[in-house]
């Protein structure tokens, strides 16, 4: 029985994401961090910090998990929590000077490492990939906005 086209495409998309994530995660581990820790450092790098809510939205890490990751980054001296001046109930997470130095030391080399998987891609290949992924995202966003 021939597989439905949709299922083949979704499977291929998931396999690509999984393969890329394995490459990225393995490299991040060599840098002495977990992938979620790197994600937080990369998101906070070159910013004045952000609330847990904003950090969770940008990293797609749930609040409960995010708390533990920030705890461990604080233990390493890479991040700190401060009260928001505008809303004292809100906590801002930001990198310490040491955390910013780690961001500067690690981020660019990690991007360069991950780019190796795309060395065979031309500008036209990237443009086509961007168009198709943007089209897919627009369809998914439209579907999620529809009421049941």
N, C-alpha and C. Protein backbone atom coordinates (compact mmCIF):
# COMPACT_ATOMS: atom_id res chain seq x y z
N UNK A 1 0.85 -1.19 0.00
CA UNK A 1 0.00 0.00 0.00
C UNK A 1 0.88 1.24 0.00
N UNK A 2 0.58 2.16 -0.88
CA UNK A 2 1.35 3.39 -1.03
C UNK A 2 1.05 4.32 0.14
N UNK A 3 2.13 4.83 0.77
CA UNK A 3 1.95 5.76 1.89
C UNK A 3 1.38 7.08 1.38
N UNK A 4 0.58 7.69 2.23
CA UNK A 4 0.04 9.00 1.91
C UNK A 4 1.18 10.01 1.82
N UNK A 5 1.15 10.88 0.84
CA UNK A 5 2.21 11.87 0.60
C UNK A 5 2.47 12.73 1.83
N UNK A 6 1.43 13.16 2.49
CA UNK A 6 1.55 13.99 3.69
C UNK A 6 2.42 13.31 4.74
N UNK A 7 2.18 12.04 4.99
CA UNK A 7 2.93 11.32 6.02
C UNK A 7 4.40 11.21 5.67
N UNK A 8 4.72 11.00 4.41
CA UNK A 8 6.13 10.93 3.99
C UNK A 8 6.82 12.27 4.23
N UNK A 9 6.14 13.35 3.88
CA UNK A 9 6.73 14.68 4.05
C UNK A 9 6.92 15.04 5.52
N UNK A 10 5.93 14.75 6.34
CA UNK A 10 6.04 15.04 7.77
C UNK A 10 7.16 14.21 8.39
N UNK A 11 7.25 12.96 7.98
CA UNK A 11 8.31 12.09 8.50
C UNK A 11 9.68 12.63 8.11
N UNK A 12 9.84 13.04 6.87
CA UNK A 12 11.11 13.58 6.40
C UNK A 12 11.46 14.87 7.14
N UNK A 13 10.49 15.73 7.36
CA UNK A 13 10.72 16.95 8.12
C UNK A 13 11.19 16.63 9.54
N UNK A 14 10.51 15.69 10.18
CA UNK A 14 10.88 15.29 11.54
C UNK A 14 12.28 14.66 11.56
N UNK A 15 12.60 13.84 10.57
CA UNK A 15 13.92 13.21 10.50
C UNK A 15 15.02 14.25 10.32
N UNK A 16 14.75 15.26 9.50
CA UNK A 16 15.73 16.34 9.29
C UNK A 16 15.96 17.10 10.60
N UNK A 17 14.88 17.44 11.28
CA UNK A 17 15.00 18.16 12.55
C UNK A 17 15.77 17.31 13.56
N UNK A 18 15.43 16.05 13.65
CA UNK A 18 16.09 15.15 14.61
C UNK A 18 17.59 15.03 14.30
N UNK A 19 17.94 14.85 13.04
CA UNK A 19 19.34 14.72 12.65
C UNK A 19 20.12 15.99 12.96
N UNK A 20 19.53 17.14 12.65
CA UNK A 20 20.20 18.41 12.95
C UNK A 20 20.37 18.58 14.46
N UNK A 21 19.34 18.25 15.20
CA UNK A 21 19.40 18.38 16.65
C UNK A 21 20.49 17.48 17.24
N UNK A 22 20.65 16.29 16.72
CA UNK A 22 21.71 15.38 17.20
C UNK A 22 23.09 15.98 16.95
N UNK A 23 23.30 16.55 15.77
CA UNK A 23 24.58 17.18 15.44
C UNK A 23 24.85 18.35 16.39
N UNK A 24 23.85 19.19 16.55
CA UNK A 24 23.98 20.37 17.41
C UNK A 24 24.20 19.98 18.87
N UNK A 25 23.38 19.06 19.37
CA UNK A 25 23.49 18.65 20.78
C UNK A 25 24.85 18.05 21.09
N UNK A 26 25.38 17.23 20.18
CA UNK A 26 26.68 16.61 20.42
C UNK A 26 27.77 17.67 20.53
N UNK A 27 27.70 18.68 19.69
CA UNK A 27 28.70 19.75 19.75
C UNK A 27 28.55 20.57 21.03
N UNK A 28 27.33 20.87 21.40
CA UNK A 28 27.08 21.65 22.63
C UNK A 28 27.64 20.92 23.85
N UNK A 29 27.47 19.60 23.89
CA UNK A 29 28.01 18.83 25.01
C UNK A 29 29.54 18.96 25.11
N UNK A 30 30.21 19.08 23.95
CA UNK A 30 31.67 19.25 23.98
C UNK A 30 32.04 20.62 24.55
N UNK A 31 31.09 21.54 24.57
CA UNK A 31 31.32 22.88 25.11
C UNK A 31 31.05 22.95 26.61
N UNK A 32 30.57 21.83 27.19
CA UNK A 32 30.33 21.77 28.63
C UNK A 32 28.96 22.23 29.07
N UNK A 33 28.02 22.27 28.14
CA UNK A 33 26.65 22.69 28.46
C UNK A 33 25.66 21.66 27.95
N UNK A 34 24.44 21.74 28.48
CA UNK A 34 23.34 20.98 27.90
C UNK A 34 22.72 21.85 26.82
N UNK A 35 21.95 21.24 25.93
CA UNK A 35 21.30 22.01 24.87
C UNK A 35 20.37 23.10 25.43
N UNK A 36 19.54 22.78 26.45
CA UNK A 36 18.70 23.86 27.00
C UNK A 36 19.52 24.99 27.63
N UNK A 37 20.64 24.67 28.28
CA UNK A 37 21.48 25.72 28.85
C UNK A 37 22.04 26.60 27.73
N UNK A 38 22.52 25.97 26.67
CA UNK A 38 23.03 26.73 25.53
C UNK A 38 21.92 27.60 24.94
N UNK A 39 20.73 27.05 24.82
CA UNK A 39 19.59 27.79 24.26
C UNK A 39 19.32 29.05 25.09
N UNK A 40 19.36 28.93 26.40
CA UNK A 40 19.13 30.09 27.27
C UNK A 40 20.25 31.11 27.09
N UNK A 41 21.49 30.65 27.10
CA UNK A 41 22.63 31.57 26.93
C UNK A 41 22.55 32.26 25.57
N UNK A 42 22.24 31.51 24.52
CA UNK A 42 22.15 32.07 23.17
C UNK A 42 21.01 33.09 23.08
N UNK A 43 19.91 32.82 23.76
CA UNK A 43 18.75 33.73 23.72
C UNK A 43 19.02 35.00 24.51
N UNK A 44 19.70 34.87 25.64
CA UNK A 44 19.97 36.03 26.50
C UNK A 44 21.19 36.83 26.05
N UNK A 45 22.05 36.24 25.25
CA UNK A 45 23.27 36.91 24.82
C UNK A 45 22.98 38.23 24.14
N UNK A 46 23.76 39.25 24.47
CA UNK A 46 23.62 40.59 23.91
C UNK A 46 22.27 41.23 24.18
N UNK A 47 21.61 40.84 25.28
CA UNK A 47 20.36 41.50 25.68
C UNK A 47 20.53 42.00 27.12
N UNK A 48 19.57 42.79 27.56
CA UNK A 48 19.54 43.24 28.96
C UNK A 48 18.79 42.25 29.83
N UNK A 49 18.46 41.11 29.27
CA UNK A 49 17.70 40.10 29.99
C UNK A 49 16.25 40.12 29.56
N UNK A 50 15.49 39.16 30.10
CA UNK A 50 14.06 39.09 29.78
C UNK A 50 13.34 38.32 30.87
N UNK A 51 12.04 38.49 30.89
CA UNK A 51 11.22 37.79 31.88
C UNK A 51 11.20 36.30 31.57
N UNK A 52 10.81 35.52 32.59
CA UNK A 52 10.68 34.07 32.37
C UNK A 52 9.68 33.80 31.26
N UNK A 53 8.61 34.56 31.23
CA UNK A 53 7.59 34.34 30.20
C UNK A 53 8.17 34.55 28.81
N UNK A 54 8.87 35.67 28.62
CA UNK A 54 9.45 35.97 27.31
C UNK A 54 10.53 34.95 26.95
N UNK A 55 11.35 34.57 27.92
CA UNK A 55 12.40 33.59 27.69
C UNK A 55 11.80 32.24 27.29
N UNK A 56 10.72 31.86 27.96
CA UNK A 56 10.03 30.62 27.62
C UNK A 56 9.46 30.65 26.21
N UNK A 57 8.90 31.80 25.82
CA UNK A 57 8.33 31.92 24.47
C UNK A 57 9.42 31.85 23.40
N UNK A 58 10.55 32.47 23.66
CA UNK A 58 11.62 32.50 22.66
C UNK A 58 12.36 31.17 22.56
N UNK A 59 12.43 30.43 23.65
CA UNK A 59 13.16 29.16 23.64
C UNK A 59 12.26 27.95 23.51
N UNK A 60 10.97 28.13 23.70
CA UNK A 60 9.99 27.03 23.68
C UNK A 60 10.22 26.05 24.82
N UNK A 61 10.83 26.54 25.91
CA UNK A 61 11.04 25.72 27.10
C UNK A 61 9.94 26.07 28.10
N UNK A 62 9.29 25.06 28.69
CA UNK A 62 8.21 25.31 29.63
C UNK A 62 8.74 25.97 30.90
N UNK A 63 7.86 26.69 31.58
CA UNK A 63 8.28 27.45 32.76
C UNK A 63 8.90 26.57 33.84
N UNK A 64 8.32 25.43 34.10
CA UNK A 64 8.85 24.54 35.12
C UNK A 64 10.25 24.06 34.79
N UNK A 65 10.48 23.69 33.55
CA UNK A 65 11.80 23.25 33.11
C UNK A 65 12.77 24.43 33.09
N UNK A 66 12.28 25.57 32.66
CA UNK A 66 13.11 26.78 32.58
C UNK A 66 13.67 27.16 33.94
N UNK A 67 12.88 27.03 34.98
CA UNK A 67 13.34 27.37 36.33
C UNK A 67 14.57 26.55 36.71
N UNK A 68 14.54 25.26 36.46
CA UNK A 68 15.66 24.39 36.78
C UNK A 68 16.91 24.71 35.96
N UNK A 69 16.71 25.03 34.69
CA UNK A 69 17.85 25.36 33.83
C UNK A 69 18.50 26.65 34.31
N UNK A 70 17.68 27.66 34.63
CA UNK A 70 18.22 28.92 35.13
C UNK A 70 18.91 28.70 36.48
N UNK A 71 18.36 27.84 37.33
CA UNK A 71 19.01 27.51 38.60
C UNK A 71 20.44 27.01 38.34
N UNK A 72 20.58 26.09 37.38
CA UNK A 72 21.90 25.51 37.11
C UNK A 72 22.85 26.54 36.48
N UNK A 73 22.31 27.42 35.66
CA UNK A 73 23.16 28.48 35.09
C UNK A 73 23.60 29.46 36.18
N UNK A 74 22.71 29.71 37.15
CA UNK A 74 23.10 30.56 38.29
C UNK A 74 24.21 29.88 39.10
N UNK A 75 24.08 28.58 39.33
CA UNK A 75 25.10 27.84 40.08
C UNK A 75 26.46 27.92 39.39
N UNK A 76 26.45 27.97 38.05
CA UNK A 76 27.70 28.08 37.28
C UNK A 76 28.18 29.53 37.20
N UNK A 77 27.38 30.47 37.73
CA UNK A 77 27.76 31.89 37.67
C UNK A 77 27.54 32.53 36.31
N UNK A 78 26.67 31.91 35.49
CA UNK A 78 26.45 32.40 34.13
C UNK A 78 25.20 33.25 33.98
N UNK A 79 24.26 33.12 34.90
CA UNK A 79 23.00 33.87 34.82
C UNK A 79 22.61 34.34 36.20
N UNK A 80 21.73 35.34 36.23
CA UNK A 80 21.20 35.84 37.50
C UNK A 80 19.76 36.30 37.31
N UNK A 81 19.03 36.29 38.41
CA UNK A 81 17.65 36.77 38.43
C UNK A 81 17.64 38.13 39.14
N UNK A 82 16.84 39.03 38.60
CA UNK A 82 16.64 40.32 39.25
C UNK A 82 15.17 40.69 39.15
N UNK A 83 14.73 41.57 40.03
CA UNK A 83 13.34 42.05 39.97
C UNK A 83 13.21 43.08 38.87
N UNK A 84 12.10 43.03 38.19
CA UNK A 84 11.79 44.02 37.16
C UNK A 84 11.40 45.32 37.86
N UNK A 85 11.99 46.43 37.46
CA UNK A 85 11.70 47.72 38.10
C UNK A 85 10.26 48.16 37.84
N UNK A 86 9.73 47.86 36.66
CA UNK A 86 8.37 48.28 36.32
C UNK A 86 7.30 47.43 37.01
N UNK A 87 7.60 46.16 37.23
CA UNK A 87 6.64 45.24 37.85
C UNK A 87 7.43 44.32 38.78
N UNK A 88 7.44 44.63 40.05
CA UNK A 88 8.28 43.91 41.01
C UNK A 88 7.89 42.44 41.16
N UNK A 89 6.70 42.06 40.65
CA UNK A 89 6.31 40.64 40.70
C UNK A 89 7.00 39.84 39.61
N UNK A 90 7.51 40.53 38.59
CA UNK A 90 8.14 39.86 37.46
C UNK A 90 9.65 39.74 37.71
N UNK A 91 10.18 38.59 37.37
CA UNK A 91 11.61 38.32 37.52
C UNK A 91 12.27 38.39 36.13
N UNK A 92 13.38 39.09 36.08
CA UNK A 92 14.16 39.18 34.85
C UNK A 92 15.37 38.26 34.98
N UNK A 93 15.62 37.50 33.94
CA UNK A 93 16.80 36.64 33.88
C UNK A 93 17.76 37.29 32.91
N UNK A 94 19.01 37.39 33.34
CA UNK A 94 20.03 37.95 32.44
C UNK A 94 21.35 37.24 32.67
N UNK A 95 22.21 37.36 31.68
CA UNK A 95 23.52 36.77 31.80
C UNK A 95 24.39 37.64 32.71
N UNK A 96 25.23 37.01 33.49
CA UNK A 96 26.24 37.74 34.24
C UNK A 96 27.35 38.12 33.26
N UNK A 97 28.33 38.87 33.72
CA UNK A 97 29.47 39.21 32.85
C UNK A 97 30.14 37.92 32.38
N UNK A 98 30.25 36.96 33.27
CA UNK A 98 30.84 35.66 32.91
C UNK A 98 29.96 34.94 31.88
N UNK A 99 28.64 35.02 32.05
CA UNK A 99 27.72 34.41 31.10
C UNK A 99 27.81 35.05 29.72
N UNK A 100 27.93 36.38 29.68
CA UNK A 100 28.07 37.08 28.40
C UNK A 100 29.38 36.69 27.73
N UNK A 101 30.43 36.53 28.52
CA UNK A 101 31.72 36.10 27.97
C UNK A 101 31.60 34.69 27.38
N UNK A 102 30.85 33.81 28.08
CA UNK A 102 30.62 32.46 27.56
C UNK A 102 29.82 32.52 26.26
N UNK A 103 28.81 33.38 26.21
CA UNK A 103 28.04 33.55 24.98
C UNK A 103 28.97 33.94 23.83
N UNK A 104 29.81 34.93 24.07
CA UNK A 104 30.72 35.40 23.03
C UNK A 104 31.73 34.33 22.63
N UNK A 105 32.16 33.52 23.58
CA UNK A 105 33.13 32.47 23.30
C UNK A 105 32.50 31.30 22.53
N UNK A 106 31.23 30.96 22.84
CA UNK A 106 30.63 29.73 22.33
C UNK A 106 29.70 29.89 21.13
N UNK A 107 28.98 31.00 21.05
CA UNK A 107 27.90 31.11 20.07
C UNK A 107 28.40 31.01 18.63
N UNK A 108 29.32 31.87 18.26
CA UNK A 108 29.80 31.88 16.87
C UNK A 108 30.44 30.55 16.46
N UNK A 109 31.31 29.97 17.30
CA UNK A 109 31.87 28.66 16.91
C UNK A 109 30.80 27.58 16.74
N UNK A 110 29.76 27.62 17.57
CA UNK A 110 28.70 26.62 17.42
C UNK A 110 27.94 26.83 16.10
N UNK A 111 27.65 28.06 15.77
CA UNK A 111 26.97 28.33 14.49
C UNK A 111 27.84 27.85 13.33
N UNK A 112 29.14 28.14 13.40
CA UNK A 112 30.05 27.70 12.34
C UNK A 112 30.07 26.17 12.23
N UNK A 113 30.06 25.50 13.37
CA UNK A 113 30.04 24.04 13.37
C UNK A 113 28.77 23.52 12.70
N UNK A 114 27.62 24.06 13.09
CA UNK A 114 26.34 23.59 12.55
C UNK A 114 26.20 23.91 11.06
N UNK A 115 26.80 24.99 10.60
CA UNK A 115 26.72 25.38 9.19
C UNK A 115 27.38 24.35 8.27
N UNK A 116 28.28 23.55 8.81
CA UNK A 116 28.98 22.57 7.98
C UNK A 116 28.02 21.60 7.29
N UNK A 117 26.90 21.32 7.95
CA UNK A 117 25.92 20.39 7.37
C UNK A 117 25.25 21.00 6.13
N UNK A 118 25.40 22.31 5.93
CA UNK A 118 24.73 23.00 4.83
C UNK A 118 25.71 23.51 3.77
N UNK A 119 26.95 23.03 3.82
CA UNK A 119 27.97 23.53 2.90
C UNK A 119 27.59 23.32 1.43
N UNK A 120 26.83 22.29 1.13
CA UNK A 120 26.44 22.03 -0.25
C UNK A 120 25.26 22.86 -0.73
N UNK A 121 24.71 23.70 0.14
CA UNK A 121 23.55 24.51 -0.23
C UNK A 121 23.98 25.81 -0.90
N UNK A 122 23.34 26.12 -2.02
CA UNK A 122 23.58 27.40 -2.70
C UNK A 122 22.58 28.44 -2.15
N UNK A 123 22.78 29.68 -2.54
CA UNK A 123 21.83 30.73 -2.16
C UNK A 123 20.42 30.38 -2.66
N UNK A 124 20.36 29.80 -3.86
CA UNK A 124 19.06 29.42 -4.42
C UNK A 124 18.42 28.29 -3.60
N UNK A 125 19.24 27.34 -3.13
CA UNK A 125 18.73 26.26 -2.29
C UNK A 125 18.13 26.82 -1.00
N UNK A 126 18.88 27.75 -0.38
CA UNK A 126 18.38 28.36 0.86
C UNK A 126 17.10 29.15 0.61
N UNK A 127 17.05 29.87 -0.50
CA UNK A 127 15.85 30.65 -0.82
C UNK A 127 14.65 29.73 -1.01
N UNK A 128 14.83 28.61 -1.71
CA UNK A 128 13.74 27.67 -1.92
C UNK A 128 13.31 27.04 -0.60
N UNK A 129 14.27 26.67 0.23
CA UNK A 129 13.96 26.09 1.54
C UNK A 129 13.19 27.10 2.39
N UNK A 130 13.66 28.35 2.41
CA UNK A 130 12.98 29.41 3.18
C UNK A 130 11.54 29.60 2.71
N UNK A 131 11.34 29.61 1.39
CA UNK A 131 9.98 29.78 0.85
C UNK A 131 9.06 28.66 1.30
N UNK A 132 9.54 27.42 1.18
CA UNK A 132 8.70 26.28 1.54
C UNK A 132 8.43 26.21 3.04
N UNK A 133 9.45 26.48 3.85
CA UNK A 133 9.24 26.46 5.30
C UNK A 133 8.32 27.59 5.75
N UNK A 134 8.46 28.77 5.14
CA UNK A 134 7.57 29.89 5.47
C UNK A 134 6.13 29.56 5.06
N UNK A 135 5.98 28.95 3.92
CA UNK A 135 4.65 28.54 3.45
C UNK A 135 4.03 27.53 4.42
N UNK A 136 4.83 26.54 4.85
CA UNK A 136 4.35 25.54 5.80
C UNK A 136 3.97 26.21 7.12
N UNK A 137 4.82 27.09 7.62
CA UNK A 137 4.53 27.78 8.88
C UNK A 137 3.25 28.60 8.77
N UNK A 138 3.06 29.29 7.67
CA UNK A 138 1.82 30.08 7.47
C UNK A 138 0.59 29.18 7.50
N UNK A 139 0.67 28.03 6.85
CA UNK A 139 -0.45 27.08 6.86
C UNK A 139 -0.71 26.55 8.27
N UNK A 140 0.36 26.22 8.98
CA UNK A 140 0.20 25.72 10.35
C UNK A 140 -0.37 26.79 11.28
N UNK A 141 0.13 28.03 11.13
CA UNK A 141 -0.40 29.14 11.94
C UNK A 141 -1.87 29.37 11.66
N UNK A 142 -2.25 29.32 10.38
CA UNK A 142 -3.65 29.52 10.01
C UNK A 142 -4.52 28.39 10.56
N UNK A 143 -4.01 27.17 10.53
CA UNK A 143 -4.78 26.03 11.05
C UNK A 143 -4.95 26.11 12.56
N UNK A 144 -3.91 26.57 13.25
CA UNK A 144 -4.01 26.65 14.72
C UNK A 144 -4.90 27.81 15.16
N UNK A 145 -5.10 28.79 14.28
CA UNK A 145 -5.94 29.94 14.63
C UNK A 145 -7.43 29.66 14.41
N UNK A 146 -7.74 28.59 13.67
CA UNK A 146 -9.14 28.25 13.40
C UNK A 146 -9.79 27.66 14.65
N UNK A 147 -11.01 28.14 14.98
CA UNK A 147 -11.72 27.54 16.12
C UNK A 147 -12.17 26.12 15.77
N UNK A 148 -12.26 25.28 16.80
CA UNK A 148 -12.70 23.89 16.59
C UNK A 148 -14.13 23.80 16.16
